[in-house]
Protein backbone atom coordinates (compact mmCIF):
# COMPACT_ATOMS: atom_id res chain seq x y z
CA MET A 1 18.23 60.04 -19.09
CA ASP A 2 20.23 60.80 -15.92
CA ASN A 3 17.76 58.78 -13.86
CA VAL A 4 18.33 55.63 -15.90
CA PRO A 5 20.88 54.01 -13.54
CA LYS A 6 18.71 54.69 -10.47
CA ARG A 7 15.58 53.34 -12.09
CA LEU A 8 17.28 50.22 -13.33
CA ASN A 9 19.16 49.42 -10.13
CA ALA A 10 16.25 50.26 -7.79
CA SER A 11 14.08 47.49 -9.18
CA LYS A 12 16.66 45.03 -10.49
CA THR A 13 16.46 42.58 -7.61
CA SER A 14 12.65 42.33 -7.53
CA VAL A 15 12.49 42.13 -11.32
CA MET A 16 15.03 39.29 -11.55
CA LYS A 17 13.02 37.28 -9.05
CA ARG A 18 9.70 37.77 -10.86
CA SER A 19 11.20 37.27 -14.32
CA SER A 20 12.57 33.85 -13.47
CA THR A 21 8.97 32.76 -13.04
CA SER A 22 7.06 34.93 -15.50
CA SER A 23 9.38 34.66 -18.50
CA SER A 24 9.29 30.83 -18.42
CA SER A 25 5.54 30.61 -17.70
CA SER A 26 4.02 33.46 -19.74
CA SER A 27 3.53 31.24 -22.78
CA SER A 28 1.14 29.11 -20.75
CA SER A 29 -0.79 32.06 -19.40
CA ASN A 30 -1.52 35.40 -20.99
CA GLY A 31 1.09 34.78 -23.66
CA ASN A 32 -0.41 31.53 -24.80
CA CYS A 33 -1.68 32.95 -28.08
CA ASP A 34 -3.96 30.18 -29.34
CA THR A 35 -4.57 31.93 -32.63
CA HIS A 36 -6.20 28.87 -34.24
CA SER A 37 -8.94 28.78 -31.63
CA ARG A 38 -9.42 32.49 -31.92
CA SER A 39 -10.29 32.22 -35.55
CA LYS A 40 -12.73 29.37 -34.96
CA SER A 41 -14.44 30.84 -31.84
CA LYS A 42 -16.21 33.59 -33.65
CA SER A 43 -19.89 33.66 -32.77
CA HIS A 44 -22.25 32.39 -35.43
CA GLU A 45 -24.76 35.19 -36.01
CA THR A 46 -28.28 34.93 -37.39
CA ILE A 47 -30.58 37.86 -38.24
CA LYS A 48 -34.33 37.56 -37.84
CA ASN A 49 -37.07 40.02 -38.47
CA VAL A 50 -39.13 40.62 -35.32
CA ASP A 51 -42.02 43.13 -35.57
CA GLY A 52 -40.24 44.87 -38.45
CA LEU A 53 -36.90 45.10 -36.63
CA CYS A 54 -33.71 43.24 -37.50
CA VAL A 55 -32.55 41.37 -34.40
CA ARG A 56 -29.05 39.94 -34.33
CA HIS A 57 -28.76 36.76 -32.29
CA VAL A 58 -25.34 35.80 -30.98
CA SER A 59 -24.12 33.01 -28.77
CA LYS A 60 -24.13 33.77 -25.05
CA LYS A 61 -20.79 34.92 -23.62
CA ARG A 62 -19.89 35.09 -19.94
CA TYR A 63 -17.92 38.11 -18.60
CA ASP A 64 -15.96 38.66 -15.45
CA TYR A 65 -14.40 41.78 -13.95
CA GLY A 66 -10.82 42.68 -14.81
CA LEU A 67 -8.51 42.80 -11.81
CA HIS A 68 -7.46 46.39 -12.53
CA THR A 69 -9.02 49.76 -13.12
CA VAL A 70 -6.86 52.21 -15.09
CA THR A 71 -6.93 55.94 -15.54
CA ILE A 72 -6.61 57.53 -18.99
CA ASP A 73 -4.66 60.80 -19.01
CA THR A 74 -5.31 63.74 -21.35
CA SER A 75 -2.95 62.31 -23.95
CA GLY A 76 -4.87 59.01 -24.06
CA ARG A 77 -2.30 56.86 -22.24
CA CYS A 78 -3.19 54.48 -19.40
CA VAL A 79 -1.74 55.52 -16.10
CA ASP A 80 -2.20 54.68 -12.42
CA PRO A 81 -3.35 51.11 -12.62
CA ARG A 82 -5.10 49.92 -9.43
CA ILE A 83 -6.38 46.55 -8.27
CA ILE A 84 -10.10 46.72 -7.61
CA SER A 85 -10.10 44.33 -4.68
CA GLU A 86 -7.25 42.68 -2.78
CA GLN A 87 -9.56 39.75 -2.02
CA TRP A 88 -9.43 38.74 -5.67
CA MET A 89 -5.67 38.39 -5.45
CA ASN A 90 -5.69 35.62 -2.91
CA ALA A 91 -6.97 32.99 -5.32
CA TRP A 92 -3.80 33.00 -7.38
CA ARG A 93 -1.13 34.60 -5.22
CA ASP A 94 0.54 31.33 -4.28
CA ALA A 95 -0.52 29.40 -7.35
CA GLU A 96 1.37 28.71 -10.62
CA MET A 97 1.56 31.33 -13.32
CA SER A 98 -1.92 32.24 -14.65
CA ARG A 99 -3.45 34.94 -16.82
CA GLN A 100 -4.31 36.98 -13.73
CA ARG A 101 -0.82 36.62 -12.20
CA PHE A 102 0.91 37.43 -15.47
CA SER A 103 -1.28 40.51 -15.86
CA VAL A 104 -0.41 41.81 -12.33
CA GLU A 105 3.32 41.04 -12.51
CA ASN A 106 4.05 42.08 -16.14
CA VAL A 107 1.27 44.18 -17.59
CA PHE A 108 0.05 46.56 -14.83
CA ARG A 109 3.05 46.61 -12.55
CA VAL A 110 4.89 49.84 -13.18
CA ASP A 111 8.33 48.42 -12.32
CA SER A 112 8.05 45.30 -14.52
CA VAL A 113 10.84 44.97 -17.06
CA ALA A 114 8.49 45.67 -19.98
CA ASN A 115 7.02 48.80 -18.45
CA ILE A 116 10.49 50.05 -17.51
CA PHE A 117 11.55 49.86 -21.15
CA LEU A 118 8.36 51.50 -22.31
CA ASP A 119 9.00 54.45 -20.03
CA LEU A 120 12.72 54.62 -20.88
CA VAL A 121 12.17 54.71 -24.62
CA ARG A 122 9.37 57.26 -24.25
CA ASP A 123 11.57 59.46 -22.12
CA PHE A 124 14.45 59.09 -24.53
CA LYS A 125 12.28 60.18 -27.41
CA GLU A 126 10.59 63.06 -25.57
CA ASN A 127 13.82 64.53 -24.19
CA GLN A 128 15.90 64.29 -27.33
CA LEU A 129 16.85 61.52 -29.73
CA ASN A 130 20.56 61.08 -28.89
CA GLU A 131 22.57 59.28 -31.54
CA ARG A 132 24.63 57.74 -28.73
CA GLY A 133 21.58 55.64 -27.88
CA LEU A 134 19.20 54.82 -25.05
CA PHE A 135 21.96 54.12 -22.55
CA ALA A 136 24.27 56.92 -23.51
CA THR A 137 24.68 58.13 -19.91
CA GLU A 138 25.63 54.66 -18.60
CA ASP A 139 29.22 54.12 -17.55
CA ASP A 140 28.58 50.46 -16.79
CA LEU A 141 26.45 48.65 -19.40
CA GLU A 142 26.16 45.44 -17.39
CA THR A 143 22.88 46.49 -15.71
CA PRO A 144 21.10 47.64 -18.92
CA TYR A 145 22.37 44.51 -20.72
CA SER A 146 20.92 42.25 -17.96
CA TYR A 147 17.56 43.95 -18.40
CA ILE A 148 17.71 43.47 -22.17
CA GLU A 149 18.38 39.75 -21.52
CA ILE A 150 15.26 39.53 -19.32
CA LEU A 151 13.11 41.38 -21.90
CA VAL A 152 14.39 39.06 -24.68
CA GLU A 153 13.65 35.94 -22.62
CA GLN A 154 10.15 37.13 -21.83
CA THR A 155 9.53 37.88 -25.51
CA ILE A 156 10.80 34.47 -26.60
CA ALA A 157 8.65 32.72 -24.00
CA ILE A 158 5.57 34.31 -25.53
CA VAL A 159 6.44 34.15 -29.22
CA ARG A 160 7.65 30.54 -29.26
CA SER A 161 4.07 29.40 -28.48
CA GLU A 162 2.76 31.09 -31.64
CA PRO A 163 2.46 29.23 -34.98
CA LYS A 164 4.62 30.42 -37.87
CA MET A 165 1.46 31.57 -39.61
CA LEU A 166 -0.81 33.47 -37.26
CA MET A 167 -4.60 33.38 -37.53
CA LEU A 168 -5.98 36.81 -36.77
CA ASN A 169 -9.36 38.49 -36.86
CA ALA A 170 -10.51 42.07 -37.25
CA PRO A 171 -10.55 44.75 -35.92
CA LEU A 172 -6.96 44.99 -36.85
CA TYR A 173 -4.29 47.52 -37.86
CA VAL A 174 -1.32 46.36 -40.03
CA ILE A 175 1.87 48.36 -39.91
CA GLY A 176 4.76 48.04 -42.41
CA ASP A 177 8.44 48.90 -42.39
CA LEU A 178 9.73 51.15 -39.52
CA GLN A 179 13.44 51.11 -40.52
CA GLY A 180 14.53 52.37 -37.13
CA ASN A 181 12.50 55.52 -37.29
CA LEU A 182 11.48 55.99 -33.65
CA CYS A 183 9.66 59.28 -34.31
CA ASP A 184 7.33 57.57 -36.77
CA LEU A 185 6.76 54.65 -34.44
CA PHE A 186 5.45 57.09 -31.88
CA LEU A 187 3.33 58.79 -34.54
CA LEU A 188 1.75 55.46 -35.18
CA GLU A 189 1.26 54.78 -31.51
CA SER A 190 -0.39 58.15 -30.93
CA ASN A 191 -2.89 57.46 -33.70
CA PHE A 192 -3.56 53.75 -33.44
CA PHE A 193 -2.49 52.10 -30.21
CA ARG A 194 -1.99 54.77 -27.57
CA SER A 195 -4.11 53.19 -24.81
CA VAL A 196 -1.55 50.53 -23.89
CA PRO A 197 -2.26 47.98 -22.40
CA ILE A 198 -6.05 47.99 -22.93
CA LEU A 199 -6.33 48.08 -26.73
CA PRO A 200 -9.74 47.24 -28.25
CA HIS A 201 -8.11 45.94 -31.48
CA THR A 202 -5.09 43.97 -32.66
CA VAL A 203 -1.93 45.43 -34.19
CA LEU A 204 0.27 43.47 -36.56
CA PHE A 205 3.78 44.59 -37.54
CA LEU A 206 5.25 43.27 -40.81
CA GLY A 207 8.99 43.48 -39.96
CA ASN A 208 12.07 45.58 -40.71
CA TYR A 209 12.11 47.25 -37.30
CA SER A 210 15.66 48.53 -37.82
CA GLY A 211 17.21 49.88 -40.96
CA GLU A 212 18.27 53.26 -42.42
CA PHE A 213 17.34 55.38 -39.41
CA PRO A 214 19.47 55.61 -36.26
CA ASN A 215 17.12 54.20 -33.60
CA GLY A 216 16.62 50.60 -34.59
CA ILE A 217 17.49 49.16 -31.15
CA GLU A 218 15.11 51.61 -29.43
CA CYS A 219 12.29 50.57 -31.82
CA ILE A 220 13.01 46.91 -31.21
CA LEU A 221 13.13 47.12 -27.42
CA TYR A 222 9.91 49.18 -27.44
CA LEU A 223 8.14 46.59 -29.60
CA PHE A 224 9.40 43.70 -27.44
CA ALA A 225 8.02 45.53 -24.39
CA LEU A 226 4.68 46.06 -26.10
CA LYS A 227 4.55 42.34 -26.97
CA VAL A 228 5.14 41.32 -23.36
CA VAL A 229 2.56 43.80 -22.05
CA MET A 230 -0.03 42.89 -24.70
CA PRO A 231 0.78 39.35 -25.99
CA ASN A 232 -2.72 38.85 -27.48
CA LYS A 233 -2.95 42.29 -29.11
CA ILE A 234 0.55 42.98 -30.51
CA TYR A 235 1.99 40.57 -33.16
CA LEU A 236 5.45 40.86 -34.72
CA LEU A 237 6.45 39.19 -37.98
CA ARG A 238 10.03 38.58 -39.07
CA GLY A 239 11.29 40.86 -41.79
CA ARG A 240 14.49 40.99 -43.94
CA ASN A 241 16.31 43.05 -41.31
CA GLU A 242 15.50 40.43 -38.66
CA ILE A 243 17.78 37.94 -40.42
CA ARG A 244 21.55 38.09 -39.75
CA HIS A 245 23.46 39.30 -42.80
CA ALA A 246 26.87 40.78 -43.50
CA TYR A 247 25.75 44.39 -43.92
CA ASP A 248 23.15 44.50 -41.19
CA PRO A 249 22.50 48.16 -40.24
CA LEU A 250 21.50 47.06 -36.74
CA PHE A 251 24.97 45.56 -36.12
CA ARG A 252 26.65 48.81 -37.19
CA GLU A 253 24.25 50.86 -35.06
CA LEU A 254 24.87 48.80 -31.93
CA SER A 255 28.67 48.73 -32.41
CA THR A 256 28.66 52.51 -32.82
CA LYS A 257 26.51 53.16 -29.76
CA TYR A 258 27.81 50.50 -27.36
CA GLY A 259 31.20 49.51 -28.62
CA THR A 260 32.68 46.25 -29.87
CA THR A 261 32.00 44.39 -26.59
CA PHE A 262 28.33 45.14 -25.72
CA GLY A 263 27.23 46.01 -29.25
CA PRO A 264 27.60 42.48 -30.68
CA LYS A 265 26.20 40.97 -27.41
CA ILE A 266 22.99 43.06 -27.65
CA TYR A 267 22.78 42.24 -31.34
CA GLU A 268 22.88 38.52 -30.64
CA GLN A 269 20.31 38.82 -27.87
CA VAL A 270 17.66 40.53 -29.98
CA HIS A 271 18.30 38.12 -32.87
CA ARG A 272 17.63 35.20 -30.56
CA ALA A 273 14.09 36.51 -30.32
CA PHE A 274 13.86 37.20 -34.08
CA ASP A 275 14.82 33.58 -34.73
CA THR A 276 11.52 32.49 -33.19
CA PHE A 277 9.22 35.07 -34.84
CA PRO A 278 6.29 34.02 -37.11
CA VAL A 279 6.67 34.77 -40.82
CA ALA A 280 3.03 35.24 -41.92
CA ALA A 281 -0.45 36.06 -40.69
CA LEU A 282 -3.77 35.04 -42.15
CA VAL A 283 -6.52 37.61 -41.50
CA GLU A 284 -10.12 36.41 -41.50
CA GLU A 285 -8.92 33.35 -43.48
CA SER A 286 -8.76 35.45 -46.64
CA VAL A 287 -5.89 37.99 -46.56
CA LEU A 288 -2.29 36.85 -46.27
CA CYS A 289 0.16 39.25 -44.56
CA THR A 290 3.88 38.74 -44.97
CA HIS A 291 6.93 40.96 -44.89
CA SER A 292 7.41 40.77 -48.63
CA GLY A 293 6.25 37.92 -50.78
CA ILE A 294 4.96 34.46 -51.56
CA PRO A 295 6.96 31.17 -51.73
CA GLN A 296 7.28 28.62 -54.48
CA LEU A 297 5.01 25.73 -53.53
CA PRO A 298 4.23 22.43 -55.24
CA PRO A 299 0.65 22.35 -56.63
CA ASP A 300 -0.42 19.76 -54.02
CA ARG A 301 0.82 21.76 -51.02
CA THR A 302 -0.75 24.68 -49.21
CA LEU A 303 0.99 27.44 -47.31
CA ILE A 304 -0.58 26.53 -43.96
CA SER A 305 0.61 22.96 -44.20
CA GLU A 306 4.10 24.19 -44.99
CA LEU A 307 4.31 26.68 -42.13
CA ASN A 308 2.20 25.16 -39.35
CA GLY A 309 3.03 21.50 -39.87
CA PRO A 310 3.97 19.28 -36.89
CA ASN A 311 7.70 19.13 -37.85
CA ILE A 312 8.33 22.86 -38.08
CA ALA A 313 11.03 23.96 -35.65
CA VAL A 314 10.44 26.88 -33.32
CA GLN A 315 13.80 28.58 -33.85
CA HIS A 316 15.52 29.27 -37.17
CA ARG A 317 18.85 31.02 -36.97
CA ASN A 318 19.41 30.65 -40.73
CA PRO A 319 15.94 30.33 -42.28
CA ALA A 320 17.34 30.23 -45.83
CA GLU A 321 18.68 26.72 -45.00
CA THR A 322 16.35 25.42 -42.33
CA PHE A 323 13.06 27.07 -43.26
CA PRO A 324 13.13 27.88 -46.97
CA ARG A 325 9.33 28.47 -47.38
CA GLY A 326 9.42 30.94 -44.49
CA TYR A 327 12.52 32.62 -45.92
CA GLU A 328 10.84 33.11 -49.29
CA LEU A 329 7.89 34.91 -47.57
CA ILE A 330 10.44 37.28 -46.15
CA VAL A 331 12.57 38.05 -49.19
CA ASN A 332 10.61 37.30 -52.37
CA VAL A 333 9.38 40.40 -54.22
CA PRO A 334 6.64 41.08 -56.85
CA LEU A 335 8.09 41.36 -60.36
CA THR A 336 6.59 44.85 -60.51
CA TYR A 337 9.39 46.01 -58.25
CA ARG A 338 12.26 44.56 -60.24
CA ALA A 339 14.13 47.79 -60.87
CA THR A 340 17.05 49.79 -59.40
CA GLY A 341 16.39 50.13 -55.69
CA GLU A 342 13.24 48.00 -56.18
CA GLN A 343 11.07 51.07 -56.47
CA ARG A 344 7.60 50.53 -57.77
CA GLN A 345 7.24 50.77 -61.59
CA ASN A 346 4.15 52.40 -63.06
CA ASN A 347 4.26 50.38 -66.26
CA HIS A 348 3.32 46.74 -66.77
CA GLN A 349 6.24 45.57 -68.88
CA ASN A 350 7.35 43.08 -66.24
CA ASN A 351 3.91 41.63 -65.45
CA HIS A 352 4.07 39.07 -68.26
CA HIS A 353 4.11 35.32 -67.73
CA THR A 354 7.57 33.85 -67.12
CA GLN A 355 8.59 30.24 -66.83
CA ALA A 356 7.06 28.89 -63.57
CA GLY A 357 6.23 32.54 -62.72
CA PHE A 358 9.40 33.07 -60.61
CA VAL A 359 12.65 34.87 -61.67
CA ALA A 360 15.80 34.34 -59.61
CA GLY A 361 17.38 37.36 -57.98
CA HIS A 362 20.36 37.82 -55.66
CA ASN A 363 20.72 36.39 -52.08
CA GLN A 364 18.34 33.49 -52.76
CA LYS A 365 15.52 35.89 -53.58
CA PHE A 366 12.91 35.39 -56.31
CA TYR A 367 10.72 37.82 -58.16
CA PHE A 368 7.20 36.43 -58.77
CA SER A 369 4.95 37.34 -61.71
CA ARG A 370 1.26 38.07 -61.74
CA TYR A 371 0.74 34.67 -63.15
CA ALA A 372 2.46 32.89 -60.23
CA PHE A 373 0.78 35.25 -57.75
CA SER A 374 -2.73 34.52 -59.07
CA ALA A 375 -2.10 30.79 -59.04
CA PHE A 376 -0.83 30.98 -55.45
CA LEU A 377 -3.92 32.89 -54.28
CA GLU A 378 -6.25 30.40 -56.01
CA ASN A 379 -4.49 27.28 -54.68
CA ASN A 380 -4.60 28.66 -51.12
CA GLY A 381 -8.10 30.15 -51.21
CA LEU A 382 -6.88 33.71 -50.63
CA ASP A 383 -8.22 37.06 -51.77
CA TYR A 384 -5.26 39.46 -51.20
CA LEU A 385 -1.63 39.72 -50.13
CA LEU A 386 -0.69 42.55 -47.81
CA ARG A 387 3.04 43.22 -47.64
CA SER A 388 5.67 45.87 -46.90
CA HIS A 389 9.42 45.99 -47.77
CA ASN A 390 9.23 48.41 -50.68
CA PRO A 391 8.98 52.24 -50.17
CA CYS A 392 5.79 53.80 -51.57
CA GLU A 393 5.53 57.39 -52.59
CA ASP A 394 1.95 57.59 -51.43
CA GLY A 395 2.43 55.37 -48.39
CA PHE A 396 0.76 52.45 -50.14
CA ALA A 397 0.68 50.88 -53.61
CA ILE A 398 -1.45 48.24 -55.31
CA CYS A 399 -0.41 45.96 -58.16
CA PHE A 400 -1.33 42.62 -59.81
CA ARG A 401 -4.94 43.57 -60.61
CA TYR A 402 -5.46 45.20 -57.18
CA ARG A 403 -4.83 42.04 -55.21
CA CYS A 404 -1.24 42.71 -54.05
CA CYS A 405 -1.08 45.64 -51.59
CA THR A 406 2.10 47.27 -50.28
CA ILE A 407 2.24 49.57 -47.24
CA PHE A 408 5.22 51.48 -45.90
CA SER A 409 4.98 52.91 -42.37
CA CYS A 410 7.93 55.20 -42.07
CA ARG A 411 8.90 58.32 -43.98
CA LYS A 412 11.94 57.07 -45.83
CA SER A 413 11.63 58.53 -49.32
CA SER A 414 8.32 60.39 -48.90
CA PRO A 415 6.65 62.57 -46.24
CA ILE A 416 3.76 60.09 -46.17
CA LEU A 417 3.47 56.84 -44.23
CA ALA A 418 0.50 54.43 -44.22
CA VAL A 419 -1.14 51.58 -42.34
CA ALA A 420 -3.89 49.15 -43.31
CA GLN A 421 -7.06 48.89 -41.23
CA PHE A 422 -9.35 45.83 -41.25
CA ASN A 423 -12.85 47.04 -40.42
CA GLU A 424 -14.86 44.33 -38.71
CA SER A 425 -18.32 45.69 -39.24
CA ARG A 426 -17.97 46.71 -42.91
CA HIS A 427 -15.51 43.99 -43.99
CA LYS A 428 -13.26 46.60 -45.63
CA ILE A 429 -9.51 47.06 -45.91
CA ARG A 430 -8.80 50.76 -45.61
CA PHE A 431 -5.47 52.47 -46.14
CA ILE A 432 -4.87 55.25 -43.64
CA ARG A 433 -2.10 57.74 -44.50
CA ILE A 434 -0.23 60.13 -42.19
CA ARG A 435 1.31 63.14 -43.85
CA ALA A 436 4.11 64.94 -41.92
CA ASP A 437 3.91 68.71 -41.59
CA ASN A 438 7.69 68.82 -41.21
CA PRO A 439 9.09 65.67 -42.79
CA LYS A 440 12.74 66.92 -42.80
CA THR A 441 12.83 67.19 -39.04
CA SER A 442 10.99 63.90 -38.35
CA THR A 443 13.17 61.89 -40.64
CA ASN A 444 16.50 63.36 -39.55
CA LYS A 445 19.01 60.59 -39.88
CA GLY A 446 21.35 62.35 -37.53
CA GLY A 447 19.14 61.42 -34.62
CA SER A 448 18.33 64.96 -33.41
CA ALA A 449 14.57 65.05 -33.97
CA LYS A 450 12.46 65.92 -30.97
CA GLY A 451 9.03 64.63 -30.02
CA SER A 452 7.40 67.88 -30.84
CA SER A 453 8.41 67.56 -34.46
CA CYS A 454 6.07 64.59 -34.98
CA SER A 455 3.18 66.63 -36.15
CA GLN A 456 0.94 65.13 -38.86
CA SER A 457 -2.35 65.11 -40.71
CA LYS A 458 -4.35 61.98 -41.46
CA SER A 459 -6.19 60.91 -44.54
CA SER A 460 -7.76 57.61 -45.62
CA GLU A 461 -8.13 55.95 -48.98
């Protein structure tokens, strides 16, 4: 980390100039995530039998060359991006922000703000997780803070163009709680999205990026950078820990690492981005993904009309007051988990029908019964709910007659973490578990785990 000041200062001038253009224009270029049109633009396929063979007919699609060629190293990471032909650059060089220009200036440019943060966090993790934080060697935090400001602005410019309920298609990986466990975030990357920025599939995160582990801010900055580099492949939902509250572990973490001056300033910056995050995703128009639960809706209202209506504001600093339906998606919990610590119960004593199907909890949270859950799915034409929030001993858990699925993607109370995979060809939801060979090292809350400790074995259910 001794080279952090040099790397930041060396490119600060050029980055500030580019960012003033790209952060304000990315939402109209590569960051303009028109998720509605993506869902509707799927090719209509017909299968005919020709001479005994099944021939699949699809609508014609036109392709063009990508501006860059990349090299994949032995670890599977993209390195050494190169422009194929300088002549292709002239068409957009002096024009307004476009997909091609955004790609060159933010995605494949090694000294872009997003790529600088990707490299810094990778180096921080590989060298040694220092509980003093990513910028522990910095005497003057003004320069790192200015870079965080730029990264936040670029993230907001992209996310603010997304609807509050995303429309996503397979192939897709869904990742649950991270809780500030940087080691497990890199385990997930090494298995499911290593080839940044040329992923063949989409990755959806369900929130709670900080929490009980000591590297919440490093996880957050890394995810923001991934979002900027791959705005149409990486999607971030808002979780419980992305809402300001009195006992926020991220606030304590930042105050400990960066003091009472810069700690609160960084906290407020990242929450400015969280305030704009979507709160739900609909996969293949049949599976709802949220951080935790379902909201209470009148019988004549659907979730999509509540979340993606014309009068929904982009930014919600206090969603409990300004966006109650979105807030309930973040905090409401299945009645199955109504126990000390909200750990999953193996009995069905709390699955009975209650009045209206919702039971009030603390902090404006509600527990919903199987009755309320089934009615919600039926009224909205849904098959499943995929959520996180609650730790699972086996990495995942299923309740409410196998239609409510919980995944937990960090090793908090178990050596197993899990993700959900949506298989496009087989139309299956598969739970993939990663078991740690040395869970004590990889979940060290003292922040001393090294990259080499992240060994694992994979299994699927």
